[in-house]
C-alpha cells in the first residue's frame, strides 16, 4: 500500500460560512472552547479521506497521520457533531444537487 501525502488549504472565511450554514445556533451565553469551524474541518477530513469511523479518525489524529492544531477530545467531537442540523445540510445538498 502506497502512502500519499497532501496538504489542504481551506480559507477560514469559507469554514466560518459553512459552519453557519450547517450548525444550529447555540443558546449558550458564553463562547465555546472550540468554535464550529473546527468541526467543519473535521467533517471535511472525514469526507476527503473516506474514513467511516470517528474512532479511526481520532486514532489518525493522535498518531499524527492527520494533523489539526487545537484538537478537541473525541467525546467533544461526537457531542458537537450531534448538534449538526441534518435538516439544514439536507436542504443545502438538495439545492446544490439541482
PDB file of N, CA and C in Angstrom:
ATOM      1  N   UNK A   1       0.839  -1.174   0.000  1.00  0.00           N
ATOM      2  CA  UNK A   1       0.000   0.000   0.000  1.00  0.00           C
ATOM      3  C   UNK A   1       0.888   1.244   0.000  1.00  0.00           C
ATOM      4  N   UNK A   2       0.654   2.126  -0.927  1.00  0.00           N
ATOM      5  CA  UNK A   2       1.434   3.353  -1.035  1.00  0.00           C
ATOM      6  C   UNK A   2       0.758   4.465  -0.252  1.00  0.00           C
ATOM      7  N   UNK A   3       1.572   5.206   0.477  1.00  0.00           N
ATOM      8  CA  UNK A   3       1.055   6.322   1.260  1.00  0.00           C
ATOM      9  C   UNK A   3       1.233   7.596   0.449  1.00  0.00           C
ATOM     10  N   UNK A   4       0.174   8.354   0.348  1.00  0.00           N
ATOM     11  CA  UNK A   4       0.206   9.612  -0.384  1.00  0.00           C
ATOM     12  C   UNK A   4      -0.021  10.744   0.614  1.00  0.00           C
ATOM     13  N   UNK A   5       0.857  11.725   0.600  1.00  0.00           N
ATOM     14  CA  UNK A   5       0.730  12.887   1.477  1.00  0.00           C
ATOM     15  C   UNK A   5       0.224  14.065   0.662  1.00  0.00           C
ATOM     16  N   UNK A   6      -0.706  14.812   1.234  1.00  0.00           N
ATOM     17  CA  UNK A   6      -1.157  16.031   0.580  1.00  0.00           C
ATOM     18  C   UNK A   6      -1.542  17.056   1.626  1.00  0.00           C
ATOM     19  N   UNK A   7      -1.413  18.297   1.280  1.00  0.00           N
ATOM     20  CA  UNK A   7      -1.811  19.407   2.145  1.00  0.00           C
ATOM     21  C   UNK A   7      -3.052  20.046   1.562  1.00  0.00           C
ATOM     22  N   UNK A   8      -3.965  20.396   2.434  1.00  0.00           N
ATOM     23  CA  UNK A   8      -5.191  21.059   2.012  1.00  0.00           C
ATOM     24  C   UNK A   8      -5.247  22.419   2.698  1.00  0.00           C
ATOM     25  N   UNK A   9      -5.497  23.437   1.931  1.00  0.00           N
ATOM     26  CA  UNK A   9      -5.652  24.774   2.490  1.00  0.00           C
ATOM     27  C   UNK A   9      -7.113  25.184   2.310  1.00  0.00           C
ATOM     28  N   UNK A  10      -7.786  25.369   3.436  1.00  0.00           N
ATOM     29  CA  UNK A  10      -9.176  25.811   3.424  1.00  0.00           C
ATOM     30  C   UNK A  10      -9.228  27.186   4.083  1.00  0.00           C
ATOM     31  N   UNK A  11      -9.696  28.194   3.366  1.00  0.00           N
ATOM     32  CA  UNK A  11      -9.759  29.546   3.941  1.00  0.00           C
ATOM     33  C   UNK A  11     -10.674  29.596   5.165  1.00  0.00           C
ATOM     34  N   UNK A  12     -10.248  30.344   6.171  1.00  0.00           N
ATOM     35  CA  UNK A  12     -11.022  30.489   7.403  1.00  0.00           C
ATOM     36  C   UNK A  12     -12.420  31.047   7.131  1.00  0.00           C
ATOM     37  N   UNK A  13     -12.543  31.974   6.210  1.00  0.00           N
ATOM     38  CA  UNK A  13     -13.855  32.548   5.886  1.00  0.00           C
ATOM     39  C   UNK A  13     -14.801  31.482   5.349  1.00  0.00           C
ATOM     40  N   UNK A  14     -14.276  30.587   4.513  1.00  0.00           N
ATOM     41  CA  UNK A  14     -15.093  29.509   3.960  1.00  0.00           C
ATOM     42  C   UNK A  14     -15.585  28.580   5.070  1.00  0.00           C
ATOM     43  N   UNK A  15     -14.690  28.192   5.974  1.00  0.00           N
ATOM     44  CA  UNK A  15     -15.084  27.322   7.087  1.00  0.00           C
ATOM     45  C   UNK A  15     -16.135  27.994   7.965  1.00  0.00           C
ATOM     46  N   UNK A  16     -15.973  29.284   8.215  1.00  0.00           N
ATOM     47  CA  UNK A  16     -16.947  30.013   9.026  1.00  0.00           C
ATOM     48  C   UNK A  16     -18.320  30.059   8.356  1.00  0.00           C
ATOM     49  N   UNK A  17     -18.338  30.299   7.052  1.00  0.00           N
ATOM     50  CA  UNK A  17     -19.616  30.357   6.333  1.00  0.00           C
ATOM     51  C   UNK A  17     -20.306  29.000   6.321  1.00  0.00           C
ATOM     52  N   UNK A  18     -19.539  27.941   6.115  1.00  0.00           N
ATOM     53  CA  UNK A  18     -20.125  26.598   6.125  1.00  0.00           C
ATOM     54  C   UNK A  18     -20.662  26.273   7.514  1.00  0.00           C
ATOM     55  N   UNK A  19     -19.933  26.635   8.551  1.00  0.00           N
ATOM     56  CA  UNK A  19     -20.400  26.335   9.907  1.00  0.00           C
ATOM     57  C   UNK A  19     -21.714  27.054  10.213  1.00  0.00           C
ATOM     58  N   UNK A  20     -21.875  28.276   9.710  1.00  0.00           N
ATOM     59  CA  UNK A  20     -23.136  28.997   9.900  1.00  0.00           C
ATOM     60  C   UNK A  20     -24.274  28.275   9.182  1.00  0.00           C
ATOM     61  N   UNK A  21     -23.968  27.705   8.023  1.00  0.00           N
ATOM     62  CA  UNK A  21     -24.992  27.018   7.247  1.00  0.00           C
ATOM     63  C   UNK A  21     -25.429  25.695   7.865  1.00  0.00           C
ATOM     64  N   UNK A  22     -24.527  24.962   8.488  1.00  0.00           N
ATOM     65  CA  UNK A  22     -24.871  23.592   8.894  1.00  0.00           C
ATOM     66  C   UNK A  22     -25.032  23.373  10.391  1.00  0.00           C
ATOM     67  N   UNK A  23     -24.607  24.304  11.227  1.00  0.00           N
ATOM     68  CA  UNK A  23     -24.779  24.128  12.665  1.00  0.00           C
ATOM     69  C   UNK A  23     -25.926  24.985  13.167  1.00  0.00           C
ATOM     70  N   UNK A  24     -26.729  24.423  14.051  1.00  0.00           N
ATOM     71  CA  UNK A  24     -27.772  25.198  14.706  1.00  0.00           C
ATOM     72  C   UNK A  24     -27.122  26.200  15.644  1.00  0.00           C
ATOM     73  N   UNK A  25     -27.731  27.343  15.784  1.00  0.00           N
ATOM     74  CA  UNK A  25     -27.203  28.389  16.658  1.00  0.00           C
ATOM     75  C   UNK A  25     -27.260  27.916  18.107  1.00  0.00           C
ATOM     76  N   UNK A  26     -26.176  28.102  18.819  1.00  0.00           N
ATOM     77  CA  UNK A  26     -26.113  27.700  20.223  1.00  0.00           C
ATOM     78  C   UNK A  26     -26.874  28.701  21.084  1.00  0.00           C
ATOM     79  N   UNK A  27     -27.521  28.211  22.136  1.00  0.00           N
ATOM     80  CA  UNK A  27     -28.258  29.086  23.046  1.00  0.00           C
ATOM     81  C   UNK A  27     -27.411  29.444  24.264  1.00  0.00           C
ATOM     82  N   UNK A  28     -26.148  29.036  24.253  1.00  0.00           N
ATOM     83  CA  UNK A  28     -25.259  29.330  25.374  1.00  0.00           C
ATOM     84  C   UNK A  28     -24.911  30.807  25.396  1.00  0.00           C
ATOM     85  N   UNK A  29     -24.701  31.304  26.585  1.00  0.00           N
ATOM     86  CA  UNK A  29     -24.390  32.721  26.756  1.00  0.00           C
ATOM     87  C   UNK A  29     -22.878  32.995  26.695  1.00  0.00           C
ATOM     88  N   UNK A  30     -22.069  31.944  26.659  1.00  0.00           N
ATOM     89  CA  UNK A  30     -20.627  32.134  26.633  1.00  0.00           C
ATOM     90  C   UNK A  30     -20.036  31.434  25.412  1.00  0.00           C
ATOM     91  N   UNK A  31     -18.822  31.817  25.063  1.00  0.00           N
ATOM     92  CA  UNK A  31     -18.162  31.220  23.911  1.00  0.00           C
ATOM     93  C   UNK A  31     -17.663  29.821  24.243  1.00  0.00           C
ATOM     94  N   UNK A  32     -17.702  28.959  23.271  1.00  0.00           N
ATOM     95  CA  UNK A  32     -17.193  27.607  23.439  1.00  0.00           C
ATOM     96  C   UNK A  32     -15.673  27.612  23.265  1.00  0.00           C
ATOM     97  N   UNK A  33     -15.041  26.604  23.842  1.00  0.00           N
ATOM     98  CA  UNK A  33     -13.590  26.480  23.709  1.00  0.00           C
ATOM     99  C   UNK A  33     -13.199  26.194  22.264  1.00  0.00           C
ATOM    100  N   UNK A  34     -14.012  25.391  21.581  1.00  0.00           N
ATOM    101  CA  UNK A  34     -13.746  25.022  20.191  1.00  0.00           C
ATOM    102  C   UNK A  34     -14.857  25.567  19.308  1.00  0.00           C
ATOM    103  N   UNK A  35     -14.540  26.473  18.395  1.00  0.00           N
ATOM    104  CA  UNK A  35     -15.578  27.035  17.515  1.00  0.00           C
ATOM    105  C   UNK A  35     -16.075  26.004  16.492  1.00  0.00           C
ATOM    106  N   UNK A  36     -17.221  26.284  15.905  1.00  0.00           N
ATOM    107  CA  UNK A  36     -17.846  25.356  14.951  1.00  0.00           C
ATOM    108  C   UNK A  36     -16.968  25.067  13.743  1.00  0.00           C
ATOM    109  N   UNK A  37     -16.149  26.024  13.313  1.00  0.00           N
ATOM    110  CA  UNK A  37     -15.367  25.801  12.095  1.00  0.00           C
ATOM    111  C   UNK A  37     -14.362  24.656  12.253  1.00  0.00           C
ATOM    112  N   UNK A  38     -13.926  24.353  13.471  1.00  0.00           N
ATOM    113  CA  UNK A  38     -13.033  23.205  13.685  1.00  0.00           C
ATOM    114  C   UNK A  38     -13.766  21.914  13.350  1.00  0.00           C
ATOM    115  N   UNK A  39     -15.044  21.848  13.670  1.00  0.00           N
ATOM    116  CA  UNK A  39     -15.822  20.643  13.410  1.00  0.00           C
ATOM    117  C   UNK A  39     -16.182  20.518  11.929  1.00  0.00           C
ATOM    118  N   UNK A  40     -16.323  21.651  11.264  1.00  0.00           N
ATOM    119  CA  UNK A  40     -16.496  21.622   9.810  1.00  0.00           C
ATOM    120  C   UNK A  40     -15.231  21.069   9.166  1.00  0.00           C
ATOM    121  N   UNK A  41     -14.079  21.470   9.678  1.00  0.00           N
ATOM    122  CA  UNK A  41     -12.808  20.946   9.183  1.00  0.00           C
ATOM    123  C   UNK A  41     -12.728  19.432   9.398  1.00  0.00           C
ATOM    124  N   UNK A  42     -13.139  18.960  10.560  1.00  0.00           N
ATOM    125  CA  UNK A  42     -13.127  17.521  10.848  1.00  0.00           C
ATOM    126  C   UNK A  42     -14.076  16.780   9.911  1.00  0.00           C
ATOM    127  N   UNK A  43     -15.260  17.337   9.663  1.00  0.00           N
ATOM    128  CA  UNK A  43     -16.196  16.713   8.719  1.00  0.00           C
ATOM    129  C   UNK A  43     -15.612  16.669   7.314  1.00  0.00           C
ATOM    130  N   UNK A  44     -14.918  17.721   6.926  1.00  0.00           N
ATOM    131  CA  UNK A  44     -14.284  17.763   5.610  1.00  0.00           C
ATOM    132  C   UNK A  44     -13.215  16.683   5.498  1.00  0.00           C
ATOM    133  N   UNK A  45     -12.432  16.524   6.545  1.00  0.00           N
ATOM    134  CA  UNK A  45     -11.400  15.484   6.542  1.00  0.00           C
ATOM    135  C   UNK A  45     -12.037  14.099   6.459  1.00  0.00           C
ATOM    136  N   UNK A  46     -13.112  13.880   7.201  1.00  0.00           N
ATOM    137  CA  UNK A  46     -13.819  12.594   7.127  1.00  0.00           C
ATOM    138  C   UNK A  46     -14.261  12.308   5.697  1.00  0.00           C
ATOM    139  N   UNK A  47     -14.798  13.321   5.042  1.00  0.00           N
ATOM    140  CA  UNK A  47     -15.283  13.163   3.674  1.00  0.00           C
ATOM    141  C   UNK A  47     -14.141  12.893   2.698  1.00  0.00           C
ATOM    142  N   UNK A  48     -13.090  13.703   2.777  1.00  0.00           N
ATOM    143  CA  UNK A  48     -11.986  13.582   1.819  1.00  0.00           C
ATOM    144  C   UNK A  48     -11.194  12.287   1.975  1.00  0.00           C
ATOM    145  N   UNK A  49     -11.073  11.795   3.194  1.00  0.00           N
ATOM    146  CA  UNK A  49     -10.305  10.572   3.433  1.00  0.00           C
ATOM    147  C   UNK A  49     -11.161   9.320   3.400  1.00  0.00           C
ATOM    148  N   UNK A  50     -12.476   9.499   3.329  1.00  0.00           N
ATOM    149  CA  UNK A  50     -13.421   8.383   3.297  1.00  0.00           C
ATOM    150  C   UNK A  50     -13.304   7.491   4.539  1.00  0.00           C
ATOM    151  N   UNK A  51     -13.043   8.119   5.675  1.00  0.00           N
ATOM    152  CA  UNK A  51     -12.995   7.396   6.945  1.00  0.00           C
ATOM    153  C   UNK A  51     -14.419   7.290   7.467  1.00  0.00           C
ATOM    154  N   UNK A  52     -14.818   6.086   7.832  1.00  0.00           N
ATOM    155  CA  UNK A  52     -16.198   5.837   8.241  1.00  0.00           C
ATOM    156  C   UNK A  52     -16.403   5.894   9.755  1.00  0.00           C
ATOM    157  N   UNK A  53     -15.334   5.906  10.524  1.00  0.00           N
ATOM    158  CA  UNK A  53     -15.444   5.823  11.976  1.00  0.00           C
ATOM    159  C   UNK A  53     -14.744   7.000  12.640  1.00  0.00           C
ATOM    160  N   UNK A  54     -15.407   7.588  13.618  1.00  0.00           N
ATOM    161  CA  UNK A  54     -14.795   8.688  14.369  1.00  0.00           C
ATOM    162  C   UNK A  54     -13.612   8.171  15.174  1.00  0.00           C
ATOM    163  N   UNK A  55     -13.703   6.949  15.676  1.00  0.00           N
ATOM    164  CA  UNK A  55     -12.575   6.373  16.426  1.00  0.00           C
ATOM    165  C   UNK A  55     -11.349   6.234  15.545  1.00  0.00           C
ATOM    166  N   UNK A  56     -11.535   5.775  14.311  1.00  0.00           N
ATOM    167  CA  UNK A  56     -10.401   5.631  13.393  1.00  0.00           C
ATOM    168  C   UNK A  56      -9.810   6.997  13.062  1.00  0.00           C
ATOM    169  N   UNK A  57     -10.661   7.977  12.789  1.00  0.00           N
ATOM    170  CA  UNK A  57     -10.171   9.321  12.506  1.00  0.00           C
ATOM    171  C   UNK A  57      -9.386   9.852  13.693  1.00  0.00           C
ATOM    172  N   UNK A  58      -9.913   9.679  14.886  1.00  0.00           N
ATOM    173  CA  UNK A  58      -9.239  10.198  16.072  1.00  0.00           C
ATOM    174  C   UNK A  58      -7.902   9.489  16.290  1.00  0.00           C
ATOM    175  N   UNK A  59      -7.846   8.194  15.990  1.00  0.00           N
ATOM    176  CA  UNK A  59      -6.572   7.468  16.087  1.00  0.00           C
ATOM    177  C   UNK A  59      -5.559   8.059  15.109  1.00  0.00           C
ATOM    178  N   UNK A  60      -5.988   8.368  13.893  1.00  0.00           N
ATOM    179  CA  UNK A  60      -5.102   9.005  12.912  1.00  0.00           C
ATOM    180  C   UNK A  60      -4.634  10.376  13.401  1.00  0.00           C
ATOM    181  N   UNK A  61      -5.534  11.107  14.028  1.00  0.00           N
ATOM    182  CA  UNK A  61      -5.186  12.422  14.553  1.00  0.00           C
ATOM    183  C   UNK A  61      -4.147  12.303  15.673  1.00  0.00           C
ATOM    184  N   UNK A  62      -4.335  11.333  16.562  1.00  0.00           N
ATOM    185  CA  UNK A  62      -3.396  11.143  17.659  1.00  0.00           C
ATOM    186  C   UNK A  62      -2.047  10.616  17.173  1.00  0.00           C
ATOM    187  N   UNK A  63      -2.060   9.756  16.150  1.00  0.00           N
ATOM    188  CA  UNK A  63      -0.812   9.211  15.594  1.00  0.00           C
ATOM    189  C   UNK A  63      -0.020  10.256  14.819  1.00  0.00           C
ATOM    190  N   UNK A  64      -0.671  11.325  14.416  1.00  0.00           N
ATOM    191  CA  UNK A  64      -0.007  12.353  13.635  1.00  0.00           C
ATOM    192  C   UNK A  64      -0.129  12.135  12.137  1.00  0.00           C
ATOM    193  N   UNK A  65      -0.912  11.125  11.720  1.00  0.00           N
ATOM    194  CA  UNK A  65      -1.127  10.910  10.282  1.00  0.00           C
ATOM    195  C   UNK A  65      -1.946  12.053   9.690  1.00  0.00           C
ATOM    196  N   UNK A  66      -2.870  12.562  10.482  1.00  0.00           N
ATOM    197  CA  UNK A  66      -3.658  13.735  10.112  1.00  0.00           C
ATOM    198  C   UNK A  66      -3.408  14.759  11.211  1.00  0.00           C
ATOM    199  N   UNK A  67      -3.103  15.989  10.821  1.00  0.00           N
ATOM    200  CA  UNK A  67      -2.746  16.996  11.814  1.00  0.00           C
ATOM    201  C   UNK A  67      -3.763  18.128  11.840  1.00  0.00           C
ATOM    202  N   UNK A  68      -4.267  18.397  13.034  1.00  0.00           N
ATOM    203  CA  UNK A  68      -5.135  19.545  13.288  1.00  0.00           C
ATOM    204  C   UNK A  68      -4.622  20.193  14.562  1.00  0.00           C
ATOM    205  N   UNK A  69      -4.378  21.480  14.508  1.00  0.00           N
ATOM    206  CA  UNK A  69      -3.964  22.162  15.734  1.00  0.00           C
ATOM    207  C   UNK A  69      -5.190  22.372  16.613  1.00  0.00           C
ATOM    208  N   UNK A  70      -4.955  22.405  17.920  1.00  0.00           N
ATOM    209  CA  UNK A  70      -6.031  22.633  18.888  1.00  0.00           C
ATOM    210  C   UNK A  70      -7.109  21.552  18.776  1.00  0.00           C
ATOM    211  N   UNK A  71      -6.700  20.291  18.912  1.00  0.00           N
ATOM    212  CA  UNK A  71      -7.579  19.147  18.720  1.00  0.00           C
ATOM    213  C   UNK A  71      -8.496  18.926  19.926  1.00  0.00           C
ATOM    214  N   UNK A  72      -9.827  18.904  19.708  1.00  0.00           N
ATOM    215  CA  UNK A  72     -10.757  18.581  20.792  1.00  0.00           C
ATOM    216  C   UNK A  72     -10.713  17.085  21.107  1.00  0.00           C
ATOM    217  N   UNK A  73     -11.291  16.714  22.236  1.00  0.00           N
ATOM    218  CA  UNK A  73     -11.376  15.290  22.587  1.00  0.00           C
ATOM    219  C   UNK A  73     -12.387  14.595  21.672  1.00  0.00           C
ATOM    220  N   UNK A  74     -12.298  13.289  21.607  1.00  0.00           N
ATOM    221  CA  UNK A  74     -13.217  12.518  20.769  1.00  0.00           C
ATOM    222  C   UNK A  74     -14.661  12.702  21.250  1.00  0.00           C
ATOM    223  N   UNK A  75     -14.850  12.772  22.564  1.00  0.00           N
ATOM    224  CA  UNK A  75     -16.193  12.969  23.114  1.00  0.00           C
ATOM    225  C   UNK A  75     -16.757  14.336  22.725  1.00  0.00           C
ATOM    226  N   UNK A  76     -15.891  15.350  22.726  1.00  0.00           N
ATOM    227  CA  UNK A  76     -16.322  16.698  22.334  1.00  0.00           C
ATOM    228  C   UNK A  76     -16.719  16.710  20.862  1.00  0.00           C
ATOM    229  N   UNK A  77     -15.926  16.056  20.028  1.00  0.00           N
ATOM    230  CA  UNK A  77     -16.249  15.976  18.601  1.00  0.00           C
ATOM    231  C   UNK A  77     -17.601  15.300  18.415  1.00  0.00           C
ATOM    232  N   UNK A  78     -17.804  14.180  19.091  1.00  0.00           N
ATOM    233  CA  UNK A  78     -19.068  13.439  18.971  1.00  0.00           C
ATOM    234  C   UNK A  78     -20.248  14.307  19.413  1.00  0.00           C
ATOM    235  N   UNK A  79     -20.106  14.974  20.548  1.00  0.00           N
ATOM    236  CA  UNK A  79     -21.187  15.808  21.073  1.00  0.00           C
ATOM    237  C   UNK A  79     -21.521  16.952  20.124  1.00  0.00           C
ATOM    238  N   UNK A  80     -20.497  17.637  19.620  1.00  0.00           N
ATOM    239  CA  UNK A  80     -20.739  18.788  18.763  1.00  0.00           C
ATOM    240  C   UNK A  80     -21.295  18.383  17.404  1.00  0.00           C
ATOM    241  N   UNK A  81     -20.879  17.231  16.891  1.00  0.00           N
ATOM    242  CA  UNK A  81     -21.411  16.798  15.603  1.00  0.00           C
ATOM    243  C   UNK A  81     -22.873  16.375  15.727  1.00  0.00           C
ATOM    244  N   UNK A  82     -23.314  16.037  16.934  1.00  0.00           N
ATOM    245  CA  UNK A  82     -24.736  15.757  17.135  1.00  0.00           C
ATOM    246  C   UNK A  82     -25.562  17.024  16.974  1.00  0.00           C
ATOM    247  N   UNK A  83     -24.941  18.195  17.197  1.00  0.00           N
ATOM    248  CA  UNK A  83     -25.630  19.473  17.025  1.00  0.00           C
ATOM    249  C   UNK A  83     -25.772  19.871  15.567  1.00  0.00           C
ATOM    250  N   UNK A  84     -25.141  19.141  14.711  1.00  0.00           N
ATOM    251  CA  UNK A  84     -25.216  19.434  13.282  1.00  0.00           C
ATOM    252  C   UNK A  84     -26.672  19.357  12.837  1.00  0.00           C
ATOM    253  N   UNK A  85     -27.126  20.371  12.167  1.00  0.00           N
ATOM    254  CA  UNK A  85     -28.511  20.403  11.725  1.00  0.00           C
ATOM    255  C   UNK A  85     -28.669  19.556  10.459  1.00  0.00           C
ATOM    256  N   UNK A  86     -29.194  18.368  10.616  1.00  0.00           N
ATOM    257  CA  UNK A  86     -29.380  17.477   9.470  1.00  0.00           C
ATOM    258  C   UNK A  86     -30.372  18.071   8.470  1.00  0.00           C
ATOM    259  N   UNK A  87     -31.329  18.805   8.980  1.00  0.00           N
ATOM    260  CA  UNK A  87     -32.314  19.452   8.119  1.00  0.00           C
ATOM    261  C   UNK A  87     -31.646  20.502   7.223  1.00  0.00           C
ATOM    262  N   UNK A  88     -30.771  21.320   7.807  1.00  0.00           N
ATOM    263  CA  UNK A  88     -30.076  22.353   7.038  1.00  0.00           C
ATOM    264  C   UNK A  88     -29.142  21.726   6.001  1.00  0.00           C
ATOM    265  N   UNK A  89     -28.406  20.693   6.408  1.00  0.00           N
ATOM    266  CA  UNK A  89     -27.479  20.042   5.483  1.00  0.00           C
ATOM    267  C   UNK A  89     -28.245  19.410   4.332  1.00  0.00           C
ATOM    268  N   UNK A  90     -29.335  18.735   4.646  1.00  0.00           N
ATOM    269  CA  UNK A  90     -30.145  18.094   3.613  1.00  0.00           C
ATOM    270  C   UNK A  90     -30.677  19.128   2.634  1.00  0.00           C
ATOM    271  N   UNK A  91     -31.152  20.244   3.158  1.00  0.00           N
ATOM    272  CA  UNK A  91     -31.679  21.299   2.304  1.00  0.00           C
ATOM    273  C   UNK A  91     -30.585  21.863   1.389  1.00  0.00           C
ATOM    274  N   UNK A  92     -29.403  22.117   1.943  1.00  0.00           N
ATOM    275  CA  UNK A  92     -28.295  22.653   1.154  1.00  0.00           C
ATOM    276  C   UNK A  92     -27.832  21.662   0.085  1.00  0.00           C
ATOM    277  N   UNK A  93     -27.829  20.369   0.433  1.00  0.00           N
ATOM    278  CA  UNK A  93     -27.432  19.356  -0.545  1.00  0.00           C
ATOM    279  C   UNK A  93     -28.445  19.267  -1.675  1.00  0.00           C
ATOM    280  N   UNK A  94     -29.721  19.377  -1.354  1.00  0.00           N
ATOM    281  CA  UNK A  94     -30.754  19.338  -2.404  1.00  0.00           C
ATOM    282  C   UNK A  94     -30.620  20.517  -3.362  1.00  0.00           C
ATOM    283  N   UNK A  95     -30.342  21.710  -2.794  1.00  0.00           N
ATOM    284  CA  UNK A  95     -30.164  22.900  -3.622  1.00  0.00           C
ATOM    285  C   UNK A  95     -28.938  22.749  -4.504  1.00  0.00           C
ATOM    286  N   UNK A  96     -27.851  22.236  -3.928  1.00  0.00           N
ATOM    287  CA  UNK A  96     -26.602  22.079  -4.689  1.00  0.00           C
ATOM    288  C   UNK A  96     -26.733  21.009  -5.764  1.00  0.00           C
ATOM    289  N   UNK A  97     -27.553  20.001  -5.537  1.00  0.00           N
ATOM    290  CA  UNK A  97     -27.703  18.899  -6.467  1.00  0.00           C
ATOM    291  C   UNK A  97     -28.538  19.295  -7.683  1.00  0.00           C
ATOM    292  N   UNK A  98     -29.482  20.196  -7.497  1.00  0.00           N
ATOM    293  CA  UNK A  98     -30.382  20.609  -8.585  1.00  0.00           C
ATOM    294  C   UNK A  98     -29.719  21.474  -9.615  1.00  0.00           C
TER     295      UNK A  98
END
